[in-house]
């Protein structure tokens, strides 16, 4: 049972990475890649909207980092460590 939970968390971590990298190019995806992206989008979009009150972190002039995805990654990594 713990193996399955551990595996699902690892899949979500990889999915979060792909989601964050492909989000700007969502309209260019085709076929199976679009289906996979939409699957992870269906998971992450509602979860990330829960953290929508967190402001982006300013890292330079006109450059900021979306902290919601980083916070979700930290949560998944902590869950991965304890399972």
Protein backbone atom coordinates (compact mmCIF):
# COMPACT_ATOMS: atom_id res chain seq x y z
CA UNK A 1 0.00 0.00 0.00
CA UNK A 2 2.79 2.42 0.91
CA UNK A 3 4.52 1.60 -2.38
CA UNK A 4 1.43 2.66 -4.35
CA UNK A 5 1.13 5.94 -2.42
CA UNK A 6 4.85 6.59 -2.89
CA UNK A 7 4.53 5.87 -6.62
CA UNK A 8 1.50 8.17 -7.00
CA UNK A 9 3.30 11.02 -5.24
CA UNK A 10 6.31 10.58 -7.52
CA UNK A 11 4.04 10.63 -10.58
CA UNK A 12 2.46 13.85 -9.30
CA UNK A 13 5.89 15.43 -8.83
CA UNK A 14 6.86 14.61 -12.42
CA UNK A 15 3.44 15.76 -13.59
CA UNK A 16 3.85 19.07 -11.77
CA UNK A 17 7.18 19.60 -13.50
CA UNK A 18 5.69 18.85 -16.92
CA UNK A 19 2.65 21.01 -16.18
CA UNK A 20 4.80 23.99 -15.22
CA UNK A 21 7.04 23.63 -18.28
CA UNK A 22 4.27 23.04 -20.84
CA UNK A 23 1.70 25.55 -19.55
CA UNK A 24 2.93 28.39 -21.82
CA UNK A 25 2.74 26.06 -24.85
CA UNK A 26 -0.62 24.46 -24.06
CA UNK A 27 -2.20 25.56 -27.35
CA UNK A 28 0.56 23.87 -29.40
CA UNK A 29 0.23 20.40 -27.87
CA UNK A 30 -1.34 17.63 -29.95
CA UNK A 31 -2.62 14.09 -29.52
CA UNK A 32 -1.53 12.04 -26.55
CA UNK A 33 0.62 14.87 -25.16
CA UNK A 34 -2.41 17.17 -24.99
CA UNK A 35 -4.42 14.44 -23.23
CA UNK A 36 -1.66 13.90 -20.68
CA UNK A 37 -1.30 17.65 -20.13
CA UNK A 38 -5.08 18.03 -19.69
CA UNK A 39 -5.07 15.18 -17.17
CA UNK A 40 -2.46 16.90 -15.01
CA UNK A 41 -4.09 20.29 -15.59
CA UNK A 42 -7.32 18.86 -14.19
CA UNK A 43 -5.44 17.83 -11.06
CA UNK A 44 -3.19 20.83 -10.52
CA UNK A 45 -5.35 23.77 -11.57
CA UNK A 46 -7.89 23.36 -8.70
CA UNK A 47 -5.13 22.62 -6.18
CA UNK A 48 -3.04 25.61 -7.26
CA UNK A 49 -6.10 27.86 -7.10
CA UNK A 50 -6.27 27.10 -3.35
CA UNK A 51 -2.90 28.86 -3.00
CA UNK A 52 -3.87 31.78 -5.24
CA UNK A 53 -3.44 34.28 -2.39
CA UNK A 54 0.33 33.80 -2.40
CA UNK A 55 2.08 36.62 -4.24
CA UNK A 56 4.87 35.89 -6.73
CA UNK A 57 8.37 36.30 -5.29
CA UNK A 58 10.37 39.11 -6.91
CA UNK A 59 13.80 37.81 -7.98
CA UNK A 60 14.86 40.67 -10.24
CA UNK A 61 13.72 43.73 -12.14
CA UNK A 62 10.46 42.72 -13.77
CA UNK A 63 11.12 39.06 -12.92
CA UNK A 64 9.19 37.04 -10.38
CA UNK A 65 8.66 33.38 -9.50
CA UNK A 66 5.23 31.80 -9.01
CA UNK A 67 5.43 30.46 -5.46
CA UNK A 68 2.25 28.35 -5.65
CA UNK A 69 3.94 25.64 -7.72
CA UNK A 70 6.98 25.66 -5.45
CA UNK A 71 4.76 25.35 -2.37
CA UNK A 72 2.91 22.42 -3.92
CA UNK A 73 6.25 20.80 -4.81
CA UNK A 74 7.44 21.17 -1.21
CA UNK A 75 4.21 19.59 0.06
CA UNK A 76 4.59 16.66 -2.34
CA UNK A 77 8.24 16.19 -1.38
CA UNK A 78 7.37 16.16 2.34
CA UNK A 79 4.59 13.63 1.70
CA UNK A 80 7.04 11.58 -0.35
CA UNK A 81 9.53 11.59 2.52
CA UNK A 82 7.01 10.41 5.11
CA UNK A 83 5.49 7.67 2.95
